[in-house]
């Protein structure tokens, strides 16, 4: 897989996917702030510091960002994913990934494009499988997408996630092999 790469969404929008660079850090932080404030898909209950953000999203990871193909320098990031080993050493062949999509770009196929790209990129990086440790149970859109892309539910962690309203929701552990194409 060669980055940057051009793609089209189901509505015909032209997208460019690129490995994160220095100029992408602030736009990526800006989008992540929106996601953290929503409180529906990531565990942070407050926005992380710059150092914490870089540790979570960039350092030691392969991070891919999506922009509109005809972007100008100040355009925001439409979505992104990171890919990293879920564990070190003997279990380092199991990847973990995280995804974000800007609210105004949801429902256009960007999440699917990022998911398919991540699976191909993970194979290129020689991962054997991908594990999602914490898919919020109430994030039906994400769960449906991962199931369509071949992930299976391995288990449920009851009450793992504190919601903005003070109640708790379960987290789903999902996994997919990369040994077969598809």
N, C-alpha and C. Protein backbone atom coordinates (compact mmCIF):
# COMPACT_ATOMS: atom_id res chain seq x y z
N UNK A 1 0.85 -1.17 0.00
CA UNK A 1 0.00 0.00 0.00
C UNK A 1 0.90 1.23 0.00
N UNK A 2 0.61 2.13 -0.90
CA UNK A 2 1.42 3.33 -1.08
C UNK A 2 0.64 4.58 -0.64
N UNK A 3 1.20 5.35 0.27
CA UNK A 3 0.59 6.61 0.69
C UNK A 3 1.46 7.75 0.18
N UNK A 4 0.85 8.89 -0.19
CA UNK A 4 -0.58 9.17 -0.17
C UNK A 4 -1.31 8.41 -1.27
N UNK A 5 -2.59 8.19 -1.04
CA UNK A 5 -3.42 7.50 -2.03
C UNK A 5 -4.74 8.24 -2.18
N UNK A 6 -5.25 8.21 -3.40
CA UNK A 6 -6.52 8.85 -3.70
C UNK A 6 -7.63 7.82 -3.71
N UNK A 7 -8.81 8.23 -3.30
CA UNK A 7 -9.98 7.34 -3.26
C UNK A 7 -11.23 8.18 -3.47
N UNK A 8 -12.34 7.50 -3.70
CA UNK A 8 -13.65 8.16 -3.82
C UNK A 8 -14.62 7.52 -2.85
N UNK A 9 -15.46 8.37 -2.28
CA UNK A 9 -16.51 7.87 -1.40
C UNK A 9 -17.73 7.53 -2.25
N UNK A 10 -18.73 6.92 -1.62
CA UNK A 10 -19.92 6.49 -2.37
C UNK A 10 -20.68 7.65 -3.00
N UNK A 11 -20.52 8.87 -2.46
CA UNK A 11 -21.18 10.04 -3.06
C UNK A 11 -20.32 10.71 -4.13
N UNK A 12 -19.15 10.12 -4.44
CA UNK A 12 -18.26 10.66 -5.45
C UNK A 12 -17.20 11.61 -4.92
N UNK A 13 -17.27 11.96 -3.63
CA UNK A 13 -16.27 12.86 -3.04
C UNK A 13 -14.88 12.26 -3.19
N UNK A 14 -13.95 13.09 -3.64
CA UNK A 14 -12.56 12.66 -3.78
C UNK A 14 -11.84 12.87 -2.45
N UNK A 15 -11.15 11.83 -2.00
CA UNK A 15 -10.47 11.81 -0.71
C UNK A 15 -9.01 11.46 -0.95
N UNK A 16 -8.14 12.03 -0.12
CA UNK A 16 -6.74 11.61 -0.13
C UNK A 16 -6.39 11.08 1.25
N UNK A 17 -5.78 9.91 1.28
CA UNK A 17 -5.31 9.29 2.52
C UNK A 17 -3.79 9.41 2.56
N UNK A 18 -3.26 9.84 3.70
CA UNK A 18 -1.82 10.03 3.82
C UNK A 18 -1.36 9.63 5.22
N UNK A 19 -0.11 9.21 5.30
CA UNK A 19 0.48 8.97 6.62
C UNK A 19 0.61 10.32 7.32
N UNK A 20 0.35 10.33 8.61
CA UNK A 20 0.37 11.59 9.37
C UNK A 20 1.75 12.22 9.31
N UNK A 21 1.76 13.51 9.16
CA UNK A 21 2.99 14.29 9.18
C UNK A 21 2.85 15.40 10.20
N UNK A 22 3.91 16.15 10.40
CA UNK A 22 3.91 17.23 11.40
C UNK A 22 2.77 18.22 11.18
N UNK A 23 2.48 18.54 9.92
CA UNK A 23 1.44 19.54 9.65
C UNK A 23 0.03 19.01 9.95
N UNK A 24 -0.09 17.70 10.14
CA UNK A 24 -1.39 17.09 10.40
C UNK A 24 -1.74 17.02 11.89
N UNK A 25 -0.77 17.22 12.77
CA UNK A 25 -0.99 17.01 14.20
C UNK A 25 -2.09 17.91 14.75
N UNK A 26 -2.01 19.20 14.49
CA UNK A 26 -3.03 20.11 15.04
C UNK A 26 -4.42 19.85 14.47
N UNK A 27 -4.57 19.67 13.14
CA UNK A 27 -5.91 19.33 12.64
C UNK A 27 -6.44 18.01 13.22
N UNK A 28 -5.55 17.03 13.40
CA UNK A 28 -5.96 15.75 13.99
C UNK A 28 -6.39 15.96 15.44
N UNK A 29 -5.65 16.75 16.20
CA UNK A 29 -6.04 17.07 17.59
C UNK A 29 -7.39 17.77 17.61
N UNK A 30 -7.62 18.67 16.66
CA UNK A 30 -8.89 19.38 16.60
C UNK A 30 -10.06 18.44 16.39
N UNK A 31 -9.91 17.49 15.47
CA UNK A 31 -10.97 16.52 15.24
C UNK A 31 -11.14 15.61 16.46
N UNK A 32 -10.02 15.20 17.07
CA UNK A 32 -10.13 14.32 18.23
C UNK A 32 -10.85 15.03 19.39
N UNK A 33 -10.65 16.34 19.51
CA UNK A 33 -11.36 17.10 20.55
C UNK A 33 -12.88 16.97 20.36
N UNK A 34 -13.34 17.05 19.12
CA UNK A 34 -14.77 16.89 18.82
C UNK A 34 -15.25 15.51 19.27
N UNK A 35 -14.47 14.49 18.96
CA UNK A 35 -14.84 13.11 19.28
C UNK A 35 -14.88 12.90 20.80
N UNK A 36 -13.87 13.41 21.50
CA UNK A 36 -13.83 13.26 22.96
C UNK A 36 -15.03 13.97 23.58
N UNK A 37 -15.35 15.17 23.08
CA UNK A 37 -16.49 15.92 23.62
C UNK A 37 -17.81 15.18 23.39
N UNK A 38 -17.93 14.47 22.27
CA UNK A 38 -19.14 13.68 22.02
C UNK A 38 -19.31 12.59 23.07
N UNK A 39 -18.20 11.97 23.46
CA UNK A 39 -18.23 10.96 24.51
C UNK A 39 -18.86 9.63 24.12
N UNK A 40 -18.95 9.34 22.83
CA UNK A 40 -19.66 8.12 22.40
C UNK A 40 -18.76 7.04 21.80
N UNK A 41 -17.44 7.28 21.75
CA UNK A 41 -16.61 6.26 21.12
C UNK A 41 -15.19 6.13 21.66
N UNK A 42 -14.74 7.02 22.50
CA UNK A 42 -13.38 6.94 23.07
C UNK A 42 -13.44 7.10 24.57
N UNK A 43 -12.48 6.50 25.31
CA UNK A 43 -12.57 6.48 26.76
C UNK A 43 -12.18 7.78 27.47
N UNK A 44 -11.52 8.72 26.78
CA UNK A 44 -11.12 9.95 27.48
C UNK A 44 -12.36 10.71 27.98
N UNK A 45 -12.32 11.14 29.23
CA UNK A 45 -13.43 11.95 29.75
C UNK A 45 -13.08 13.44 29.74
N UNK A 46 -11.84 13.74 29.40
CA UNK A 46 -11.43 15.12 29.15
C UNK A 46 -10.35 15.08 28.07
N UNK A 47 -10.19 16.19 27.39
CA UNK A 47 -9.26 16.22 26.27
C UNK A 47 -7.82 16.07 26.78
N UNK A 48 -7.06 15.14 26.18
CA UNK A 48 -5.69 14.91 26.65
C UNK A 48 -4.76 16.07 26.30
N UNK A 49 -3.68 16.19 27.08
CA UNK A 49 -2.64 17.17 26.77
C UNK A 49 -2.01 16.82 25.43
N UNK A 50 -1.21 17.73 24.88
CA UNK A 50 -0.55 17.46 23.62
C UNK A 50 0.31 16.20 23.70
N UNK A 51 1.07 16.04 24.78
CA UNK A 51 1.92 14.86 24.95
C UNK A 51 1.09 13.58 25.01
N UNK A 52 0.02 13.61 25.81
CA UNK A 52 -0.86 12.44 25.92
C UNK A 52 -1.51 12.11 24.58
N UNK A 53 -1.93 13.15 23.85
CA UNK A 53 -2.54 12.95 22.53
C UNK A 53 -1.55 12.28 21.58
N UNK A 54 -0.33 12.80 21.54
CA UNK A 54 0.67 12.24 20.63
C UNK A 54 1.00 10.79 21.00
N UNK A 55 1.05 10.50 22.31
CA UNK A 55 1.26 9.11 22.73
C UNK A 55 0.11 8.22 22.30
N UNK A 56 -1.11 8.73 22.38
CA UNK A 56 -2.30 7.93 22.06
C UNK A 56 -2.49 7.75 20.57
N UNK A 57 -2.19 8.78 19.76
CA UNK A 57 -2.53 8.77 18.34
C UNK A 57 -1.35 8.66 17.38
N UNK A 58 -0.13 9.02 17.82
CA UNK A 58 0.95 9.15 16.84
C UNK A 58 2.19 8.32 17.17
N UNK A 59 2.77 8.52 18.33
CA UNK A 59 4.04 7.87 18.65
C UNK A 59 3.91 6.35 18.69
N UNK A 60 4.79 5.68 17.94
CA UNK A 60 4.79 4.22 17.91
C UNK A 60 3.65 3.62 17.13
N UNK A 61 2.99 4.42 16.31
CA UNK A 61 1.83 3.96 15.55
C UNK A 61 2.00 4.31 14.08
N UNK A 62 1.25 3.65 13.25
CA UNK A 62 1.11 4.05 11.86
C UNK A 62 -0.24 4.76 11.79
N UNK A 63 -0.22 6.08 11.63
CA UNK A 63 -1.44 6.87 11.64
C UNK A 63 -1.71 7.40 10.25
N UNK A 64 -2.94 7.20 9.79
CA UNK A 64 -3.36 7.63 8.45
C UNK A 64 -4.47 8.66 8.62
N UNK A 65 -4.35 9.77 7.89
CA UNK A 65 -5.34 10.84 7.93
C UNK A 65 -6.02 10.96 6.57
N UNK A 66 -7.27 11.40 6.60
CA UNK A 66 -8.06 11.59 5.36
C UNK A 66 -8.40 13.06 5.21
N UNK A 67 -8.14 13.57 4.03
CA UNK A 67 -8.48 14.95 3.67
C UNK A 67 -9.30 14.91 2.39
N UNK A 68 -10.01 15.99 2.13
CA UNK A 68 -10.62 16.18 0.83
C UNK A 68 -9.47 16.29 -0.17
N UNK A 69 -9.60 15.67 -1.34
CA UNK A 69 -8.51 15.63 -2.32
C UNK A 69 -8.13 17.02 -2.81
N UNK A 70 -9.05 17.95 -2.82
CA UNK A 70 -8.75 19.30 -3.29
C UNK A 70 -8.55 20.27 -2.13
N UNK A 71 -7.99 19.78 -1.04
CA UNK A 71 -7.85 20.57 0.18
C UNK A 71 -6.95 21.79 -0.02
N UNK A 72 -7.25 22.77 0.78
CA UNK A 72 -6.36 23.91 0.93
C UNK A 72 -5.68 23.73 2.28
N UNK A 73 -4.56 24.43 2.52
CA UNK A 73 -3.78 24.15 3.73
C UNK A 73 -4.56 24.19 5.05
N UNK A 74 -5.61 24.99 5.14
CA UNK A 74 -6.33 25.10 6.40
C UNK A 74 -7.51 24.14 6.54
N UNK A 75 -7.75 23.31 5.52
CA UNK A 75 -8.85 22.35 5.61
C UNK A 75 -8.63 21.40 6.77
N UNK A 76 -9.69 21.01 7.40
CA UNK A 76 -9.60 20.06 8.50
C UNK A 76 -9.50 18.63 8.01
N UNK A 77 -9.13 17.77 8.93
CA UNK A 77 -9.07 16.33 8.65
C UNK A 77 -10.49 15.78 8.69
N UNK A 78 -10.82 14.94 7.73
CA UNK A 78 -12.15 14.34 7.63
C UNK A 78 -12.27 13.10 8.52
N UNK A 79 -11.18 12.41 8.69
CA UNK A 79 -11.15 11.20 9.48
C UNK A 79 -9.73 10.69 9.59
N UNK A 80 -9.53 9.67 10.40
CA UNK A 80 -8.19 9.13 10.60
C UNK A 80 -8.29 7.76 11.27
N UNK A 81 -7.19 7.02 11.19
CA UNK A 81 -7.05 5.81 11.99
C UNK A 81 -5.60 5.65 12.40
N UNK A 82 -5.41 4.96 13.52
CA UNK A 82 -4.06 4.56 13.90
C UNK A 82 -4.03 3.04 13.97
N UNK A 83 -2.84 2.51 13.80
CA UNK A 83 -2.60 1.08 13.83
C UNK A 83 -1.34 0.86 14.65
N UNK A 84 -1.41 -0.07 15.60
CA UNK A 84 -0.27 -0.33 16.47
C UNK A 84 -0.37 -1.77 16.98
N UNK A 85 0.74 -2.30 17.51
CA UNK A 85 0.64 -3.60 18.16
C UNK A 85 -0.24 -3.49 19.40
N UNK A 86 -1.13 -4.44 19.60
CA UNK A 86 -1.97 -4.43 20.80
C UNK A 86 -1.15 -4.78 22.02
N UNK A 87 -0.18 -5.66 21.83
CA UNK A 87 0.72 -6.08 22.91
C UNK A 87 2.14 -6.12 22.35
N UNK A 88 3.14 -6.16 23.21
CA UNK A 88 4.53 -6.23 22.74
C UNK A 88 4.98 -7.66 22.48
N UNK A 89 6.19 -7.77 21.95
CA UNK A 89 6.92 -9.04 21.87
C UNK A 89 6.20 -10.16 21.17
N UNK A 90 6.05 -11.28 21.86
CA UNK A 90 5.49 -12.50 21.27
C UNK A 90 4.07 -12.34 20.77
N UNK A 91 3.37 -11.32 21.23
CA UNK A 91 1.99 -11.09 20.78
C UNK A 91 1.90 -9.81 19.93
N UNK A 92 3.05 -9.30 19.48
CA UNK A 92 3.08 -8.07 18.70
C UNK A 92 2.49 -8.18 17.31
N UNK A 93 2.15 -9.38 16.89
CA UNK A 93 1.53 -9.58 15.56
C UNK A 93 0.01 -9.34 15.59
N UNK A 94 -0.53 -9.05 16.78
CA UNK A 94 -1.96 -8.70 16.91
C UNK A 94 -2.04 -7.18 16.96
N UNK A 95 -2.71 -6.60 15.98
CA UNK A 95 -2.82 -5.15 15.90
C UNK A 95 -4.01 -4.64 16.70
N UNK A 96 -3.94 -3.37 17.02
CA UNK A 96 -5.05 -2.62 17.59
C UNK A 96 -5.19 -1.38 16.72
N UNK A 97 -6.40 -0.91 16.53
CA UNK A 97 -6.63 0.26 15.70
C UNK A 97 -7.70 1.14 16.33
N UNK A 98 -7.63 2.42 16.04
CA UNK A 98 -8.63 3.38 16.48
C UNK A 98 -9.03 4.25 15.30
N UNK A 99 -10.27 4.67 15.25
CA UNK A 99 -10.82 5.41 14.12
C UNK A 99 -11.59 6.63 14.60
N UNK A 100 -11.54 7.70 13.80
CA UNK A 100 -12.40 8.85 14.01
C UNK A 100 -12.87 9.37 12.66
N UNK A 101 -14.10 9.83 12.62
CA UNK A 101 -14.68 10.44 11.42
C UNK A 101 -15.39 11.72 11.85
N UNK A 102 -15.11 12.81 11.15
CA UNK A 102 -15.76 14.09 11.45
C UNK A 102 -17.27 13.94 11.32
N UNK A 103 -18.04 14.54 12.22
CA UNK A 103 -19.50 14.39 12.17
C UNK A 103 -20.12 14.68 10.81
N UNK A 104 -19.65 15.71 10.14
CA UNK A 104 -20.23 16.06 8.85
C UNK A 104 -19.85 15.10 7.72
N UNK A 105 -18.94 14.18 7.97
CA UNK A 105 -18.53 13.19 6.96
C UNK A 105 -19.06 11.79 7.27
N UNK A 106 -19.86 11.65 8.30
CA UNK A 106 -20.42 10.34 8.63
C UNK A 106 -21.54 9.99 7.66
N UNK A 107 -21.70 8.70 7.40
CA UNK A 107 -22.75 8.23 6.50
C UNK A 107 -22.41 8.36 5.03
N UNK A 108 -21.17 8.72 4.71
CA UNK A 108 -20.75 8.89 3.32
C UNK A 108 -19.82 7.78 2.84
N UNK A 109 -19.51 6.84 3.74
CA UNK A 109 -18.62 5.75 3.36
C UNK A 109 -17.17 5.96 3.78
N UNK A 110 -16.88 7.05 4.48
CA UNK A 110 -15.50 7.30 4.89
C UNK A 110 -15.04 6.29 5.93
N UNK A 111 -15.90 5.94 6.89
CA UNK A 111 -15.53 4.94 7.90
C UNK A 111 -15.19 3.61 7.25
N UNK A 112 -15.98 3.21 6.28
CA UNK A 112 -15.71 1.96 5.56
C UNK A 112 -14.39 2.04 4.81
N UNK A 113 -14.16 3.15 4.11
CA UNK A 113 -12.90 3.34 3.39
C UNK A 113 -11.71 3.25 4.35
N UNK A 114 -11.81 3.92 5.49
CA UNK A 114 -10.73 3.85 6.47
C UNK A 114 -10.55 2.43 6.99
N UNK A 115 -11.66 1.72 7.25
CA UNK A 115 -11.57 0.34 7.73
C UNK A 115 -10.91 -0.59 6.73
N UNK A 116 -11.32 -0.52 5.49
CA UNK A 116 -10.74 -1.37 4.43
C UNK A 116 -9.26 -1.04 4.25
N UNK A 117 -8.95 0.25 4.27
CA UNK A 117 -7.55 0.68 4.13
C UNK A 117 -6.72 0.16 5.30
N UNK A 118 -7.25 0.26 6.52
CA UNK A 118 -6.53 -0.23 7.69
C UNK A 118 -6.23 -1.72 7.56
N UNK A 119 -7.22 -2.51 7.12
CA UNK A 119 -7.01 -3.95 7.00
C UNK A 119 -5.88 -4.26 6.01
N UNK A 120 -5.87 -3.58 4.89
CA UNK A 120 -4.82 -3.78 3.89
C UNK A 120 -3.46 -3.32 4.43
N UNK A 121 -3.44 -2.16 5.06
CA UNK A 121 -2.21 -1.62 5.63
C UNK A 121 -1.68 -2.55 6.73
N UNK A 122 -2.57 -3.09 7.54
CA UNK A 122 -2.16 -4.01 8.61
C UNK A 122 -1.51 -5.27 8.02
N UNK A 123 -2.08 -5.77 6.94
CA UNK A 123 -1.46 -6.93 6.27
C UNK A 123 -0.06 -6.57 5.77
N UNK A 124 0.06 -5.38 5.16
CA UNK A 124 1.36 -4.94 4.66
C UNK A 124 2.38 -4.84 5.79
N UNK A 125 1.92 -4.46 6.97
CA UNK A 125 2.81 -4.35 8.13
C UNK A 125 3.02 -5.69 8.83
N UNK A 126 2.47 -6.74 8.24
CA UNK A 126 2.65 -8.13 8.69
C UNK A 126 1.93 -8.48 9.99
N UNK A 127 0.86 -7.76 10.30
CA UNK A 127 0.01 -8.18 11.40
C UNK A 127 -0.78 -9.40 10.96
N UNK A 128 -1.13 -10.26 11.90
CA UNK A 128 -1.90 -11.47 11.61
C UNK A 128 -3.38 -11.32 11.95
N UNK A 129 -3.70 -10.34 12.81
CA UNK A 129 -5.09 -10.09 13.18
C UNK A 129 -5.19 -8.68 13.76
N UNK A 130 -6.44 -8.24 13.91
CA UNK A 130 -6.73 -6.94 14.51
C UNK A 130 -7.73 -7.15 15.64
N UNK A 131 -7.47 -6.52 16.78
CA UNK A 131 -8.32 -6.63 17.95
C UNK A 131 -8.77 -5.24 18.38
N UNK A 132 -10.06 -5.07 18.54
CA UNK A 132 -10.60 -3.84 19.13
C UNK A 132 -10.94 -4.17 20.57
N UNK A 133 -10.27 -3.52 21.50
CA UNK A 133 -10.46 -3.79 22.93
C UNK A 133 -11.71 -3.17 23.51
N UNK A 134 -12.22 -2.09 22.88
CA UNK A 134 -13.23 -1.28 23.54
C UNK A 134 -14.16 -0.64 22.51
N UNK A 135 -15.06 -1.43 21.94
CA UNK A 135 -16.08 -0.88 21.06
C UNK A 135 -17.30 -0.61 21.94
N UNK A 136 -17.68 0.66 22.04
CA UNK A 136 -18.81 1.00 22.90
C UNK A 136 -20.06 0.29 22.40
N UNK A 137 -20.77 -0.37 23.30
CA UNK A 137 -21.92 -1.18 22.90
C UNK A 137 -23.01 -0.34 22.24
N UNK A 138 -23.15 0.92 22.63
CA UNK A 138 -24.19 1.77 22.05
C UNK A 138 -23.77 2.43 20.74
N UNK A 139 -22.54 2.18 20.30
CA UNK A 139 -22.07 2.71 19.02
C UNK A 139 -22.42 1.70 17.92
N UNK A 140 -23.71 1.63 17.61
CA UNK A 140 -24.22 0.63 16.67
C UNK A 140 -23.61 0.79 15.29
N UNK A 141 -23.35 2.02 14.86
CA UNK A 141 -22.78 2.24 13.53
C UNK A 141 -21.42 1.58 13.42
N UNK A 142 -20.58 1.78 14.42
CA UNK A 142 -19.24 1.17 14.40
C UNK A 142 -19.36 -0.35 14.47
N UNK A 143 -20.18 -0.86 15.35
CA UNK A 143 -20.30 -2.32 15.49
C UNK A 143 -20.77 -2.96 14.18
N UNK A 144 -21.74 -2.33 13.52
CA UNK A 144 -22.23 -2.87 12.24
C UNK A 144 -21.15 -2.83 11.17
N UNK A 145 -20.39 -1.73 11.11
CA UNK A 145 -19.31 -1.63 10.13
C UNK A 145 -18.29 -2.73 10.36
N UNK A 146 -17.86 -2.91 11.60
CA UNK A 146 -16.83 -3.92 11.87
C UNK A 146 -17.35 -5.32 11.55
N UNK A 147 -18.60 -5.60 11.83
CA UNK A 147 -19.16 -6.90 11.47
C UNK A 147 -19.17 -7.09 9.95
N UNK A 148 -19.54 -6.05 9.20
CA UNK A 148 -19.54 -6.13 7.74
C UNK A 148 -18.13 -6.36 7.20
N UNK A 149 -17.12 -5.87 7.91
CA UNK A 149 -15.73 -6.04 7.48
C UNK A 149 -15.10 -7.31 8.05
N UNK A 150 -15.92 -8.19 8.60
CA UNK A 150 -15.44 -9.51 9.01
C UNK A 150 -15.01 -9.66 10.45
N UNK A 151 -15.24 -8.66 11.28
CA UNK A 151 -14.89 -8.78 12.69
C UNK A 151 -15.96 -9.58 13.41
N UNK A 152 -15.53 -10.32 14.41
CA UNK A 152 -16.48 -11.06 15.23
C UNK A 152 -16.37 -10.61 16.68
N UNK A 153 -17.46 -10.71 17.37
CA UNK A 153 -17.51 -10.34 18.78
C UNK A 153 -16.90 -11.46 19.60
N UNK A 154 -15.91 -11.12 20.43
CA UNK A 154 -15.28 -12.12 21.30
C UNK A 154 -15.84 -12.11 22.71
N UNK A 155 -16.30 -10.95 23.14
CA UNK A 155 -16.79 -10.87 24.50
C UNK A 155 -17.34 -9.49 24.82
N UNK A 156 -17.91 -9.41 26.01
CA UNK A 156 -18.49 -8.16 26.49
C UNK A 156 -17.88 -7.84 27.85
N UNK A 157 -17.53 -6.58 28.05
CA UNK A 157 -17.06 -6.11 29.34
C UNK A 157 -18.21 -5.28 29.93
N UNK A 158 -18.94 -5.85 30.89
CA UNK A 158 -20.12 -5.15 31.43
C UNK A 158 -19.74 -3.83 32.11
N UNK A 159 -20.51 -2.80 31.80
CA UNK A 159 -20.36 -1.50 32.45
C UNK A 159 -18.97 -0.89 32.34
N UNK A 160 -18.26 -1.14 31.25
CA UNK A 160 -16.88 -0.68 31.11
C UNK A 160 -16.75 0.81 30.84
N UNK A 161 -17.79 1.43 30.33
CA UNK A 161 -17.68 2.82 29.85
C UNK A 161 -18.64 3.73 30.61
N UNK A 162 -18.08 4.77 31.21
CA UNK A 162 -18.88 5.80 31.87
C UNK A 162 -19.36 6.79 30.82
N UNK A 163 -20.66 6.96 30.70
CA UNK A 163 -21.24 7.86 29.71
C UNK A 163 -21.31 9.28 30.27
N UNK A 164 -21.52 10.25 29.38
CA UNK A 164 -21.61 11.66 29.80
C UNK A 164 -22.72 11.90 30.81
N UNK A 165 -23.79 11.07 30.76
CA UNK A 165 -24.92 11.28 31.68
C UNK A 165 -24.73 10.58 33.03
N UNK A 166 -23.55 9.98 33.25
CA UNK A 166 -23.26 9.34 34.53
C UNK A 166 -23.64 7.87 34.61
N UNK A 167 -24.30 7.34 33.57
CA UNK A 167 -24.62 5.91 33.53
C UNK A 167 -23.48 5.16 32.83
N UNK A 168 -23.60 3.85 32.83
CA UNK A 168 -22.54 3.02 32.25
C UNK A 168 -23.08 2.22 31.07
N UNK A 169 -22.19 1.92 30.13
CA UNK A 169 -22.53 1.03 29.03
C UNK A 169 -21.45 -0.04 28.91
N UNK A 170 -21.81 -1.13 28.27
CA UNK A 170 -20.88 -2.23 28.06
C UNK A 170 -19.89 -1.87 26.95
N UNK A 171 -18.79 -2.60 26.91
CA UNK A 171 -17.83 -2.51 25.81
C UNK A 171 -17.74 -3.89 25.17
N UNK A 172 -17.59 -3.89 23.87
CA UNK A 172 -17.49 -5.13 23.09
C UNK A 172 -16.04 -5.30 22.65
N UNK A 173 -15.53 -6.51 22.76
CA UNK A 173 -14.21 -6.85 22.22
C UNK A 173 -14.46 -7.53 20.88
N UNK A 174 -13.83 -6.99 19.83
CA UNK A 174 -14.03 -7.52 18.47
C UNK A 174 -12.67 -7.87 17.87
N UNK A 175 -12.65 -8.91 17.02
CA UNK A 175 -11.41 -9.44 16.45
C UNK A 175 -11.62 -9.88 15.02
N UNK A 176 -10.56 -9.78 14.22
CA UNK A 176 -10.61 -10.28 12.85
C UNK A 176 -9.23 -10.79 12.45
N UNK A 177 -9.22 -11.96 11.84
CA UNK A 177 -7.99 -12.52 11.29
C UNK A 177 -7.62 -11.77 10.01
N UNK A 178 -6.34 -11.66 9.74
CA UNK A 178 -5.86 -11.09 8.49
C UNK A 178 -5.24 -12.14 7.59
N UNK A 179 -5.34 -13.40 8.00
CA UNK A 179 -4.71 -14.47 7.24
C UNK A 179 -5.46 -14.82 5.96
N UNK A 180 -6.76 -14.52 5.93
CA UNK A 180 -7.53 -14.73 4.71
C UNK A 180 -7.88 -13.36 4.15
N UNK A 181 -7.92 -13.26 2.84
CA UNK A 181 -8.35 -12.01 2.20
C UNK A 181 -9.85 -11.88 2.35
N UNK A 182 -10.31 -10.62 2.34
CA UNK A 182 -11.76 -10.42 2.40
C UNK A 182 -12.17 -9.36 3.33
